[in-house]
């Protein structure tokens, strides 16, 4: 089955072509970072307008790269949520309309299911069941995964998502947008022994997360110690270590509770080197296997949407002519594949 995937949930416009037997054939991602940088964050209306400008030319580009024609498509997958409603509607309306014109089925894909399944695009990929740590700008979740659509939430953030905490802390340190990667670069220059930040909610049972307190601790530390370059680097380092350690503690609890031995980490923050190293150490100690997407597929992309959509289309699922976008959408609401 040949499936075209469309992703437009936030500030990346992406298109990919996936074949159920030949794998990923072509993919393109356009980032709106320069557009939003002058505002210090994503402006939803501008994001939606830019998706409108970019999507159709990118579909043509991906089809040309793959040497396939639109008439060769067997199905179409588009992100329907969660995300910015206006941005989602761009991809959903173009995707569903194109499928209708071609007379092929379309399927609405959950953005976080795409991230969760992104490691399946790699040559060495996990087998079900496993525990997934989903870490992005909008989500921090621990999920037990027994199969596609078979998800049980183990824990999630009660306030800021981890990517959001990275960006907000970076902004406090005067770093440019997008702040998360910039904070990680700065942390490499920091002294890991100068400051020790709290590990929130690790002194109580459960697997929920909270990152607003670490952000507040960063503010107080900056106020008390000055804002010279080395202090900022030391704060960035302490922040990143605290976040990585907090997530490692919660992952250990999830693995112990479920009795599983495979851990998957996906989402934009899964590209973070310190977090990968910490989970690798934990996996080695407890004899788990840990999987990540390739770094090209950590951030928002359409390859993961095309893959996830292909699995559901192969199972006979499809979306009617009506379509809608969902700003919020629980993974546990998704139908399971038999």
C-alpha atoms as a PDB file:
ATOM      1  CA  UNK A   1       0.000   0.000   0.000  1.00  0.00           C
ATOM      2  CA  UNK A   2       1.312   3.445  -0.995  1.00  0.00           C
ATOM      3  CA  UNK A   3       0.326   6.152   1.509  1.00  0.00           C
ATOM      4  CA  UNK A   4       0.878   9.902   1.449  1.00  0.00           C
ATOM      5  CA  UNK A   5       1.248  11.480   4.902  1.00  0.00           C
ATOM      6  CA  UNK A   6       0.593  15.118   5.829  1.00  0.00           C
ATOM      7  CA  UNK A   7       1.634  16.799   9.087  1.00  0.00           C
ATOM      8  CA  UNK A   8       0.631  20.367  10.007  1.00  0.00           C
ATOM      9  CA  UNK A   9      -0.111  20.296  13.744  1.00  0.00           C
ATOM     10  CA  UNK A  10       2.064  23.242  14.775  1.00  0.00           C
ATOM     11  CA  UNK A  11       5.031  25.004  13.171  1.00  0.00           C
ATOM     12  CA  UNK A  12       6.400  22.349  10.802  1.00  0.00           C
ATOM     13  CA  UNK A  13       4.859  21.608   7.428  1.00  0.00           C
ATOM     14  CA  UNK A  14       5.708  18.059   6.397  1.00  0.00           C
ATOM     15  CA  UNK A  15       4.844  15.572   3.664  1.00  0.00           C
ATOM     16  CA  UNK A  16       6.027  11.966   3.237  1.00  0.00           C
ATOM     17  CA  UNK A  17       5.401   8.922   1.086  1.00  0.00           C
ATOM     18  CA  UNK A  18       5.428   5.479   2.701  1.00  0.00           C
ATOM     19  CA  UNK A  19       5.048   2.048   1.115  1.00  0.00           C
ATOM     20  CA  UNK A  20       3.930  -0.868   3.274  1.00  0.00           C
ATOM     21  CA  UNK A  21       6.564  -3.191   1.736  1.00  0.00           C
ATOM     22  CA  UNK A  22       9.308  -0.821   0.548  1.00  0.00           C
ATOM     23  CA  UNK A  23       9.288   1.523   3.557  1.00  0.00           C
ATOM     24  CA  UNK A  24       9.806   5.282   3.485  1.00  0.00           C
ATOM     25  CA  UNK A  25      10.241   6.522  -0.088  1.00  0.00           C
ATOM     26  CA  UNK A  26      10.453  10.307   0.339  1.00  0.00           C
ATOM     27  CA  UNK A  27       9.878  12.940   3.003  1.00  0.00           C
ATOM     28  CA  UNK A  28      10.210  16.693   3.357  1.00  0.00           C
ATOM     29  CA  UNK A  29       9.925  19.020   6.371  1.00  0.00           C
ATOM     30  CA  UNK A  30       9.692  22.791   6.276  1.00  0.00           C
ATOM     31  CA  UNK A  31      10.268  24.586   9.593  1.00  0.00           C
ATOM     32  CA  UNK A  32       8.638  27.920  10.426  1.00  0.00           C
ATOM     33  CA  UNK A  33      11.308  28.833  13.002  1.00  0.00           C
ATOM     34  CA  UNK A  34      12.380  32.021  11.221  1.00  0.00           C
ATOM     35  CA  UNK A  35       8.754  33.122  10.871  1.00  0.00           C
ATOM     36  CA  UNK A  36       8.014  32.816  14.598  1.00  0.00           C
ATOM     37  CA  UNK A  37      11.435  33.724  16.026  1.00  0.00           C
ATOM     38  CA  UNK A  38      10.722  37.458  16.003  1.00  0.00           C
ATOM     39  CA  UNK A  39       7.714  36.834  18.295  1.00  0.00           C
ATOM     40  CA  UNK A  40       9.515  34.469  20.668  1.00  0.00           C
ATOM     41  CA  UNK A  41       7.012  31.659  20.086  1.00  0.00           C
ATOM     42  CA  UNK A  42       4.488  30.191  17.669  1.00  0.00           C
ATOM     43  CA  UNK A  43       1.761  32.546  16.420  1.00  0.00           C
ATOM     44  CA  UNK A  44      -1.147  30.232  15.460  1.00  0.00           C
ATOM     45  CA  UNK A  45      -2.617  32.419  12.704  1.00  0.00           C
ATOM     46  CA  UNK A  46       0.758  32.840  11.021  1.00  0.00           C
ATOM     47  CA  UNK A  47       1.410  29.104  11.299  1.00  0.00           C
ATOM     48  CA  UNK A  48      -1.893  28.285   9.582  1.00  0.00           C
ATOM     49  CA  UNK A  49      -1.281  30.722   6.747  1.00  0.00           C
ATOM     50  CA  UNK A  50       2.203  29.366   6.142  1.00  0.00           C
ATOM     51  CA  UNK A  51       0.905  25.779   6.005  1.00  0.00           C
ATOM     52  CA  UNK A  52      -1.505  26.889   3.281  1.00  0.00           C
ATOM     53  CA  UNK A  53       1.372  28.349   1.257  1.00  0.00           C
ATOM     54  CA  UNK A  54       3.691  25.362   1.648  1.00  0.00           C
ATOM     55  CA  UNK A  55       1.612  22.182   1.595  1.00  0.00           C
ATOM     56  CA  UNK A  56       0.618  21.869  -2.062  1.00  0.00           C
ATOM     57  CA  UNK A  57       4.121  22.583  -3.449  1.00  0.00           C
ATOM     58  CA  UNK A  58       5.596  20.118  -0.939  1.00  0.00           C
ATOM     59  CA  UNK A  59       3.166  17.387  -2.007  1.00  0.00           C
ATOM     60  CA  UNK A  60       4.311  17.893  -5.592  1.00  0.00           C
ATOM     61  CA  UNK A  61       7.948  17.853  -4.480  1.00  0.00           C
ATOM     62  CA  UNK A  62       7.610  14.548  -2.593  1.00  0.00           C
ATOM     63  CA  UNK A  63       5.757  12.894  -5.464  1.00  0.00           C
ATOM     64  CA  UNK A  64       8.412  14.059  -7.934  1.00  0.00           C
ATOM     65  CA  UNK A  65      11.223  12.731  -5.719  1.00  0.00           C
ATOM     66  CA  UNK A  66       9.591   9.325  -5.452  1.00  0.00           C
ATOM     67  CA  UNK A  67       8.808   9.077  -9.195  1.00  0.00           C
ATOM     68  CA  UNK A  68       5.206   8.200  -8.347  1.00  0.00           C
ATOM     69  CA  UNK A  69       2.086  10.022  -9.505  1.00  0.00           C
ATOM     70  CA  UNK A  70      -0.817  11.018  -7.271  1.00  0.00           C
ATOM     71  CA  UNK A  71      -2.928   8.472  -9.125  1.00  0.00           C
ATOM     72  CA  UNK A  72      -0.609   5.724  -7.793  1.00  0.00           C
ATOM     73  CA  UNK A  73      -1.625   6.439  -4.196  1.00  0.00           C
ATOM     74  CA  UNK A  74      -3.639   3.810  -2.307  1.00  0.00           C
ATOM     75  CA  UNK A  75      -4.399   5.937   0.755  1.00  0.00           C
ATOM     76  CA  UNK A  76      -3.826   9.223   2.504  1.00  0.00           C
ATOM     77  CA  UNK A  77      -3.041   9.999   6.161  1.00  0.00           C
ATOM     78  CA  UNK A  78      -3.213  13.400   7.819  1.00  0.00           C
ATOM     79  CA  UNK A  79      -2.721  14.655  11.368  1.00  0.00           C
ATOM     80  CA  UNK A  80      -6.082  15.508  12.953  1.00  0.00           C
ATOM     81  CA  UNK A  81      -4.860  16.333  16.469  1.00  0.00           C
ATOM     82  CA  UNK A  82      -3.782  17.211  19.012  1.00  0.00           C
ATOM     83  CA  UNK A  83      -2.325  20.570  18.043  1.00  0.00           C
ATOM     84  CA  UNK A  84      -3.269  24.064  16.876  1.00  0.00           C
ATOM     85  CA  UNK A  85      -6.770  23.795  15.429  1.00  0.00           C
ATOM     86  CA  UNK A  86      -6.215  26.198  12.536  1.00  0.00           C
ATOM     87  CA  UNK A  87      -2.964  24.524  11.540  1.00  0.00           C
ATOM     88  CA  UNK A  88      -4.520  21.062  11.784  1.00  0.00           C
ATOM     89  CA  UNK A  89      -7.461  22.096   9.619  1.00  0.00           C
ATOM     90  CA  UNK A  90      -5.119  23.046   6.788  1.00  0.00           C
ATOM     91  CA  UNK A  91      -3.633  19.569   6.570  1.00  0.00           C
ATOM     92  CA  UNK A  92      -6.944  17.827   7.244  1.00  0.00           C
ATOM     93  CA  UNK A  93      -8.866  19.738   4.581  1.00  0.00           C
ATOM     94  CA  UNK A  94      -6.185  19.318   1.919  1.00  0.00           C
ATOM     95  CA  UNK A  95      -5.641  15.661   2.790  1.00  0.00           C
ATOM     96  CA  UNK A  96      -9.307  14.678   2.895  1.00  0.00           C
ATOM     97  CA  UNK A  97     -10.117  16.653  -0.270  1.00  0.00           C
ATOM     98  CA  UNK A  98      -7.219  15.110  -2.183  1.00  0.00           C
ATOM     99  CA  UNK A  99      -8.282  11.612  -1.124  1.00  0.00           C
ATOM    100  CA  UNK A 100     -11.849  12.331  -2.252  1.00  0.00           C
ATOM    101  CA  UNK A 101     -10.645  13.598  -5.628  1.00  0.00           C
ATOM    102  CA  UNK A 102      -8.482  10.511  -6.134  1.00  0.00           C
ATOM    103  CA  UNK A 103     -11.157   8.097  -4.914  1.00  0.00           C
ATOM    104  CA  UNK A 104      -8.913   6.604  -2.201  1.00  0.00           C
ATOM    105  CA  UNK A 105      -9.456   6.127   1.538  1.00  0.00           C
ATOM    106  CA  UNK A 106      -8.135   8.649   4.057  1.00  0.00           C
ATOM    107  CA  UNK A 107      -7.405   8.251   7.743  1.00  0.00           C
ATOM    108  CA  UNK A 108      -7.102  10.829  10.529  1.00  0.00           C
ATOM    109  CA  UNK A 109      -3.935  10.204  12.558  1.00  0.00           C
ATOM    110  CA  UNK A 110      -3.250  11.082  16.183  1.00  0.00           C
ATOM    111  CA  UNK A 111      -0.080  13.172  16.298  1.00  0.00           C
ATOM    112  CA  UNK A 112       1.273  11.454  19.419  1.00  0.00           C
ATOM    113  CA  UNK A 113       0.556   7.996  18.004  1.00  0.00           C
ATOM    114  CA  UNK A 114       2.749   9.076  15.111  1.00  0.00           C
ATOM    115  CA  UNK A 115       5.559   9.961  17.531  1.00  0.00           C
ATOM    116  CA  UNK A 116       5.028   6.758  19.496  1.00  0.00           C
ATOM    117  CA  UNK A 117       5.401   4.643  16.338  1.00  0.00           C
ATOM    118  CA  UNK A 118       8.260   6.679  14.821  1.00  0.00           C
ATOM    119  CA  UNK A 119      10.941   4.211  16.062  1.00  0.00           C
ATOM    120  CA  UNK A 120       9.255   1.602  13.822  1.00  0.00           C
ATOM    121  CA  UNK A 121      10.752   3.450  10.849  1.00  0.00           C
ATOM    122  CA  UNK A 122      14.231   2.334  11.934  1.00  0.00           C
ATOM    123  CA  UNK A 123      15.856  -0.876  10.762  1.00  0.00           C
ATOM    124  CA  UNK A 124      16.180  -2.042  14.364  1.00  0.00           C
ATOM    125  CA  UNK A 125      12.834  -1.329  15.975  1.00  0.00           C
ATOM    126  CA  UNK A 126      10.940  -2.368  19.122  1.00  0.00           C
ATOM    127  CA  UNK A 127       8.416  -5.168  19.381  1.00  0.00           C
ATOM    128  CA  UNK A 128       5.162  -4.908  21.331  1.00  0.00           C
ATOM    129  CA  UNK A 129       4.593  -4.639  24.254  1.00  0.00           C
ATOM    130  CA  UNK A 130       6.717  -1.768  25.545  1.00  0.00           C
ATOM    131  CA  UNK A 131       6.637   1.369  27.681  1.00  0.00           C
ATOM    132  CA  UNK A 132       6.750   4.650  25.747  1.00  0.00           C
ATOM    133  CA  UNK A 133       8.038   7.958  27.093  1.00  0.00           C
ATOM    134  CA  UNK A 134       6.554  10.677  24.895  1.00  0.00           C
ATOM    135  CA  UNK A 135       8.346  13.989  25.359  1.00  0.00           C
ATOM    136  CA  UNK A 136       7.556  17.053  23.262  1.00  0.00           C
ATOM    137  CA  UNK A 137       6.673  20.724  23.476  1.00  0.00           C
ATOM    138  CA  UNK A 138       3.069  19.894  24.342  1.00  0.00           C
ATOM    139  CA  UNK A 139       3.208  16.456  25.959  1.00  0.00           C
ATOM    140  CA  UNK A 140       5.063  14.477  28.595  1.00  0.00           C
ATOM    141  CA  UNK A 141       3.523  11.033  28.952  1.00  0.00           C
ATOM    142  CA  UNK A 142       4.384   7.511  30.034  1.00  0.00           C
ATOM    143  CA  UNK A 143       2.272   4.960  28.177  1.00  0.00           C
ATOM    144  CA  UNK A 144       2.020   1.197  28.239  1.00  0.00           C
ATOM    145  CA  UNK A 145       1.793   0.050  24.616  1.00  0.00           C
ATOM    146  CA  UNK A 146       0.481  -3.463  23.909  1.00  0.00           C
ATOM    147  CA  UNK A 147      -0.171  -2.866  20.211  1.00  0.00           C
ATOM    148  CA  UNK A 148      -1.344  -0.157  17.846  1.00  0.00           C
ATOM    149  CA  UNK A 149      -4.311   1.494  19.527  1.00  0.00           C
ATOM    150  CA  UNK A 150      -3.753  -0.482  22.739  1.00  0.00           C
ATOM    151  CA  UNK A 151      -2.558   2.281  25.042  1.00  0.00           C
ATOM    152  CA  UNK A 152      -2.810   2.729  28.805  1.00  0.00           C
ATOM    153  CA  UNK A 153      -1.679   6.011  30.327  1.00  0.00           C
ATOM    154  CA  UNK A 154       0.707   5.459  33.247  1.00  0.00           C
ATOM    155  CA  UNK A 155       1.582   9.077  33.965  1.00  0.00           C
ATOM    156  CA  UNK A 156       1.693  12.546  32.435  1.00  0.00           C
ATOM    157  CA  UNK A 157       2.603  16.117  33.275  1.00  0.00           C
ATOM    158  CA  UNK A 158       0.190  17.967  35.552  1.00  0.00           C
ATOM    159  CA  UNK A 159       1.470  21.352  34.333  1.00  0.00           C
ATOM    160  CA  UNK A 160       4.163  22.229  31.768  1.00  0.00           C
ATOM    161  CA  UNK A 161       5.237  19.639  29.236  1.00  0.00           C
ATOM    162  CA  UNK A 162       8.983  19.040  29.302  1.00  0.00           C
ATOM    163  CA  UNK A 163       9.575  20.760  25.953  1.00  0.00           C
ATOM    164  CA  UNK A 164       7.590  23.744  27.173  1.00  0.00           C
ATOM    165  CA  UNK A 165       9.680  23.877  30.363  1.00  0.00           C
ATOM    166  CA  UNK A 166      12.872  23.838  28.279  1.00  0.00           C
ATOM    167  CA  UNK A 167      11.626  26.710  26.109  1.00  0.00           C
ATOM    168  CA  UNK A 168      10.403  28.828  29.037  1.00  0.00           C
ATOM    169  CA  UNK A 169      13.617  28.359  30.998  1.00  0.00           C
ATOM    170  CA  UNK A 170      15.661  29.212  27.920  1.00  0.00           C
ATOM    171  CA  UNK A 171      13.679  32.419  27.522  1.00  0.00           C
ATOM    172  CA  UNK A 172      14.420  33.333  31.151  1.00  0.00           C
ATOM    173  CA  UNK A 173      18.115  32.908  30.365  1.00  0.00           C
ATOM    174  CA  UNK A 174      17.823  35.240  27.395  1.00  0.00           C
ATOM    175  CA  UNK A 175      18.300  32.535  24.771  1.00  0.00           C
ATOM    176  CA  UNK A 176      16.785  32.863  21.287  1.00  0.00           C
ATOM    177  CA  UNK A 177      13.774  30.918  20.000  1.00  0.00           C
ATOM    178  CA  UNK A 178      13.465  27.955  19.809  1.00  0.00           C
ATOM    179  CA  UNK A 179      14.878  27.788  23.289  1.00  0.00           C
ATOM    180  CA  UNK A 180      15.132  24.052  24.019  1.00  0.00           C
ATOM    181  CA  UNK A 181      18.054  23.237  21.686  1.00  0.00           C
ATOM    182  CA  UNK A 182      19.782  26.495  22.656  1.00  0.00           C
ATOM    183  CA  UNK A 183      19.536  25.629  26.356  1.00  0.00           C
ATOM    184  CA  UNK A 184      21.086  22.203  25.689  1.00  0.00           C
ATOM    185  CA  UNK A 185      23.999  23.828  23.844  1.00  0.00           C
ATOM    186  CA  UNK A 186      24.550  26.230  26.727  1.00  0.00           C
ATOM    187  CA  UNK A 187      24.349  23.384  29.265  1.00  0.00           C
ATOM    188  CA  UNK A 188      27.403  21.761  27.673  1.00  0.00           C
ATOM    189  CA  UNK A 189      29.476  24.721  28.969  1.00  0.00           C
ATOM    190  CA  UNK A 190      28.056  24.516  32.491  1.00  0.00           C
ATOM    191  CA  UNK A 191      29.544  23.180  35.714  1.00  0.00           C
ATOM    192  CA  UNK A 192      27.343  20.217  36.768  1.00  0.00           C
ATOM    193  CA  UNK A 193      28.435  20.506  40.413  1.00  0.00           C
ATOM    194  CA  UNK A 194      27.643  24.172  41.084  1.00  0.00           C
ATOM    195  CA  UNK A 195      23.843  23.979  41.420  1.00  0.00           C
ATOM    196  CA  UNK A 196      21.504  21.114  42.216  1.00  0.00           C
ATOM    197  CA  UNK A 197      17.888  21.531  41.124  1.00  0.00           C
ATOM    198  CA  UNK A 198      14.954  19.563  42.625  1.00  0.00           C
ATOM    199  CA  UNK A 199      13.582  16.394  41.036  1.00  0.00           C
ATOM    200  CA  UNK A 200       9.854  17.195  41.219  1.00  0.00           C
ATOM    201  CA  UNK A 201       7.344  14.587  42.386  1.00  0.00           C
ATOM    202  CA  UNK A 202       9.994  11.887  42.795  1.00  0.00           C
ATOM    203  CA  UNK A 203       9.554  11.835  46.583  1.00  0.00           C
ATOM    204  CA  UNK A 204       6.062  10.381  46.271  1.00  0.00           C
ATOM    205  CA  UNK A 205       4.516   7.367  44.507  1.00  0.00           C
ATOM    206  CA  UNK A 206       3.214   7.584  40.977  1.00  0.00           C
ATOM    207  CA  UNK A 207       4.432   8.405  37.489  1.00  0.00           C
ATOM    208  CA  UNK A 208       3.015  11.879  36.897  1.00  0.00           C
ATOM    209  CA  UNK A 209       5.381  14.741  36.110  1.00  0.00           C
ATOM    210  CA  UNK A 210       5.624  18.396  37.091  1.00  0.00           C
ATOM    211  CA  UNK A 211       8.153  20.788  35.579  1.00  0.00           C
ATOM    212  CA  UNK A 212       6.881  24.220  36.598  1.00  0.00           C
ATOM    213  CA  UNK A 213       8.815  24.021  39.878  1.00  0.00           C
ATOM    214  CA  UNK A 214      12.154  23.475  38.114  1.00  0.00           C
ATOM    215  CA  UNK A 215      11.446  26.535  35.998  1.00  0.00           C
ATOM    216  CA  UNK A 216      10.735  28.582  39.152  1.00  0.00           C
ATOM    217  CA  UNK A 217      13.915  27.265  40.756  1.00  0.00           C
ATOM    218  CA  UNK A 218      15.862  28.487  37.712  1.00  0.00           C
ATOM    219  CA  UNK A 219      14.393  31.994  38.133  1.00  0.00           C
ATOM    220  CA  UNK A 220      15.320  32.157  41.821  1.00  0.00           C
ATOM    221  CA  UNK A 221      18.818  30.809  41.191  1.00  0.00           C
ATOM    222  CA  UNK A 222      19.400  33.415  38.490  1.00  0.00           C
ATOM    223  CA  UNK A 223      18.186  36.225  40.770  1.00  0.00           C
ATOM    224  CA  UNK A 224      20.417  35.107  43.644  1.00  0.00           C
ATOM    225  CA  UNK A 225      23.605  34.486  41.670  1.00  0.00           C
ATOM    226  CA  UNK A 226      23.651  37.085  38.909  1.00  0.00           C
ATOM    227  CA  UNK A 227      23.226  36.767  35.174  1.00  0.00           C
ATOM    228  CA  UNK A 228      26.808  36.430  33.941  1.00  0.00           C
ATOM    229  CA  UNK A 229      27.478  33.948  31.116  1.00  0.00           C
ATOM    230  CA  UNK A 230      28.952  31.209  33.308  1.00  0.00           C
ATOM    231  CA  UNK A 231      26.094  31.355  35.819  1.00  0.00           C
ATOM    232  CA  UNK A 232      23.592  30.997  32.984  1.00  0.00           C
ATOM    233  CA  UNK A 233      25.499  27.995  31.643  1.00  0.00           C
ATOM    234  CA  UNK A 234      25.602  26.427  35.118  1.00  0.00           C
ATOM    235  CA  UNK A 235      21.847  26.961  35.540  1.00  0.00           C
ATOM    236  CA  UNK A 236      21.155  25.436  32.121  1.00  0.00           C
ATOM    237  CA  UNK A 237      23.290  22.428  33.048  1.00  0.00           C
ATOM    238  CA  UNK A 238      21.577  21.950  36.439  1.00  0.00           C
ATOM    239  CA  UNK A 239      18.165  22.280  34.813  1.00  0.00           C
ATOM    240  CA  UNK A 240      18.905  19.706  32.131  1.00  0.00           C
ATOM    241  CA  UNK A 241      20.394  17.230  34.619  1.00  0.00           C
ATOM    242  CA  UNK A 242      17.351  17.572  36.903  1.00  0.00           C
ATOM    243  CA  UNK A 243      14.926  16.994  34.025  1.00  0.00           C
ATOM    244  CA  UNK A 244      16.842  13.957  32.754  1.00  0.00           C
ATOM    245  CA  UNK A 245      17.084  12.447  36.237  1.00  0.00           C
ATOM    246  CA  UNK A 246      13.391  13.068  36.946  1.00  0.00           C
ATOM    247  CA  UNK A 247      12.346  11.310  33.757  1.00  0.00           C
ATOM    248  CA  UNK A 248      14.756   8.445  34.419  1.00  0.00           C
ATOM    249  CA  UNK A 249      13.220   7.897  37.869  1.00  0.00           C
ATOM    250  CA  UNK A 250       9.696   7.856  36.432  1.00  0.00           C
ATOM    251  CA  UNK A 251      10.732   5.494  33.624  1.00  0.00           C
ATOM    252  CA  UNK A 252      12.246   3.097  36.164  1.00  0.00           C
ATOM    253  CA  UNK A 253       8.957   3.079  38.064  1.00  0.00           C
ATOM    254  CA  UNK A 254       6.992   2.435  34.873  1.00  0.00           C
ATOM    255  CA  UNK A 255       9.217  -0.474  33.884  1.00  0.00           C
ATOM    256  CA  UNK A 256       9.000  -1.979  37.361  1.00  0.00           C
ATOM    257  CA  UNK A 257       5.211  -1.643  37.518  1.00  0.00           C
ATOM    258  CA  UNK A 258       4.601  -3.154  34.079  1.00  0.00           C
ATOM    259  CA  UNK A 259       7.312  -5.798  34.251  1.00  0.00           C
ATOM    260  CA  UNK A 260       8.303  -4.979  30.671  1.00  0.00           C
ATOM    261  CA  UNK A 261      11.855  -4.844  29.381  1.00  0.00           C
ATOM    262  CA  UNK A 262      11.557  -2.521  26.363  1.00  0.00           C
ATOM    263  CA  UNK A 263      11.456   1.267  26.622  1.00  0.00           C
ATOM    264  CA  UNK A 264      10.733   3.628  23.729  1.00  0.00           C
ATOM    265  CA  UNK A 265      11.376   7.376  23.883  1.00  0.00           C
ATOM    266  CA  UNK A 266       9.936   9.604  21.164  1.00  0.00           C
ATOM    267  CA  UNK A 267       8.964  13.217  20.500  1.00  0.00           C
ATOM    268  CA  UNK A 268      11.039  16.343  19.973  1.00  0.00           C
ATOM    269  CA  UNK A 269      12.825  16.159  23.335  1.00  0.00           C
ATOM    270  CA  UNK A 270      13.933  12.573  22.594  1.00  0.00           C
ATOM    271  CA  UNK A 271      16.771  14.130  20.573  1.00  0.00           C
ATOM    272  CA  UNK A 272      18.275  15.484  23.810  1.00  0.00           C
ATOM    273  CA  UNK A 273      21.713  13.912  24.237  1.00  0.00           C
ATOM    274  CA  UNK A 274      21.828  14.052  28.043  1.00  0.00           C
ATOM    275  CA  UNK A 275      18.434  12.369  28.360  1.00  0.00           C
ATOM    276  CA  UNK A 276      19.445   9.644  25.911  1.00  0.00           C
ATOM    277  CA  UNK A 277      22.644   8.997  27.838  1.00  0.00           C
ATOM    278  CA  UNK A 278      20.799   8.790  31.170  1.00  0.00           C
ATOM    279  CA  UNK A 279      18.233   6.318  29.847  1.00  0.00           C
ATOM    280  CA  UNK A 280      20.990   4.284  28.196  1.00  0.00           C
ATOM    281  CA  UNK A 281      22.744   3.991  31.570  1.00  0.00           C
ATOM    282  CA  UNK A 282      19.493   2.964  33.238  1.00  0.00           C
ATOM    283  CA  UNK A 283      18.733   0.404  30.535  1.00  0.00           C
ATOM    284  CA  UNK A 284      22.209  -1.109  30.857  1.00  0.00           C
ATOM    285  CA  UNK A 285      21.869  -1.364  34.638  1.00  0.00           C
ATOM    286  CA  UNK A 286      18.461  -3.057  34.525  1.00  0.00           C
ATOM    287  CA  UNK A 287      19.007  -5.028  31.289  1.00  0.00           C
ATOM    288  CA  UNK A 288      16.292  -3.281  29.316  1.00  0.00           C
ATOM    289  CA  UNK A 289      16.307  -2.403  25.648  1.00  0.00           C
ATOM    290  CA  UNK A 290      15.743   1.247  24.774  1.00  0.00           C
ATOM    291  CA  UNK A 291      14.738   2.567  21.337  1.00  0.00           C
ATOM    292  CA  UNK A 292      14.530   6.053  19.819  1.00  0.00           C
ATOM    293  CA  UNK A 293      13.584   7.420  16.415  1.00  0.00           C
ATOM    294  CA  UNK A 294      16.387   8.680  14.208  1.00  0.00           C
ATOM    295  CA  UNK A 295      17.020  12.339  14.999  1.00  0.00           C
ATOM    296  CA  UNK A 296      15.337  13.378  11.730  1.00  0.00           C
ATOM    297  CA  UNK A 297      12.121  11.804  13.033  1.00  0.00           C
ATOM    298  CA  UNK A 298      12.194  13.106  16.629  1.00  0.00           C
ATOM    299  CA  UNK A 299      10.659  16.468  15.764  1.00  0.00           C
ATOM    300  CA  UNK A 300       7.341  16.771  13.917  1.00  0.00           C
ATOM    301  CA  UNK A 301       7.438  14.992  10.558  1.00  0.00           C
ATOM    302  CA  UNK A 302       5.105  13.317   8.090  1.00  0.00           C
ATOM    303  CA  UNK A 303       7.005  10.030   7.853  1.00  0.00           C
ATOM    304  CA  UNK A 304       5.579   8.974  11.220  1.00  0.00           C
ATOM    305  CA  UNK A 305       2.094  10.069  10.122  1.00  0.00           C
ATOM    306  CA  UNK A 306       2.319   8.117   6.868  1.00  0.00           C
ATOM    307  CA  UNK A 307       3.522   5.023   8.746  1.00  0.00           C
ATOM    308  CA  UNK A 308       0.840   5.206  11.443  1.00  0.00           C
ATOM    309  CA  UNK A 309      -1.835   5.906   8.823  1.00  0.00           C
ATOM    310  CA  UNK A 310      -0.681   3.004   6.677  1.00  0.00           C
ATOM    311  CA  UNK A 311      -1.121   0.555   9.574  1.00  0.00           C
ATOM    312  CA  UNK A 312      -4.683   1.738  10.159  1.00  0.00           C
ATOM    313  CA  UNK A 313      -5.560   1.757   6.464  1.00  0.00           C
ATOM    314  CA  UNK A 314      -4.248  -1.800   6.102  1.00  0.00           C
ATOM    315  CA  UNK A 315      -6.565  -2.762   8.980  1.00  0.00           C
ATOM    316  CA  UNK A 316      -9.534  -1.336   7.070  1.00  0.00           C
ATOM    317  CA  UNK A 317      -9.964   1.900   9.023  1.00  0.00           C
ATOM    318  CA  UNK A 318     -10.778   5.103   7.161  1.00  0.00           C
ATOM    319  CA  UNK A 319     -12.274   8.534   7.667  1.00  0.00           C
ATOM    320  CA  UNK A 320     -15.607   9.560   6.137  1.00  0.00           C
ATOM    321  CA  UNK A 321     -16.026  12.687   4.057  1.00  0.00           C
ATOM    322  CA  UNK A 322     -16.449  14.729   7.205  1.00  0.00           C
ATOM    323  CA  UNK A 323     -13.247  15.802   8.929  1.00  0.00           C
ATOM    324  CA  UNK A 324     -12.376  17.789  12.012  1.00  0.00           C
ATOM    325  CA  UNK A 325      -9.390  18.877  14.025  1.00  0.00           C
ATOM    326  CA  UNK A 326      -8.940  18.160  17.729  1.00  0.00           C
ATOM    327  CA  UNK A 327      -6.859  20.480  19.887  1.00  0.00           C
ATOM    328  CA  UNK A 328      -7.001  17.829  22.644  1.00  0.00           C
ATOM    329  CA  UNK A 329      -7.252  14.110  21.986  1.00  0.00           C
ATOM    330  CA  UNK A 330      -6.422  11.261  24.355  1.00  0.00           C
ATOM    331  CA  UNK A 331      -4.407   8.327  23.041  1.00  0.00           C
ATOM    332  CA  UNK A 332      -6.678   6.031  25.029  1.00  0.00           C
ATOM    333  CA  UNK A 333      -9.623   7.011  22.794  1.00  0.00           C
ATOM    334  CA  UNK A 334      -8.050   5.432  19.709  1.00  0.00           C
ATOM    335  CA  UNK A 335      -9.474   2.150  18.398  1.00  0.00           C
ATOM    336  CA  UNK A 336      -7.195  -0.857  18.647  1.00  0.00           C
ATOM    337  CA  UNK A 337      -6.077  -2.807  15.603  1.00  0.00           C
ATOM    338  CA  UNK A 338      -6.931  -6.481  15.725  1.00  0.00           C
END
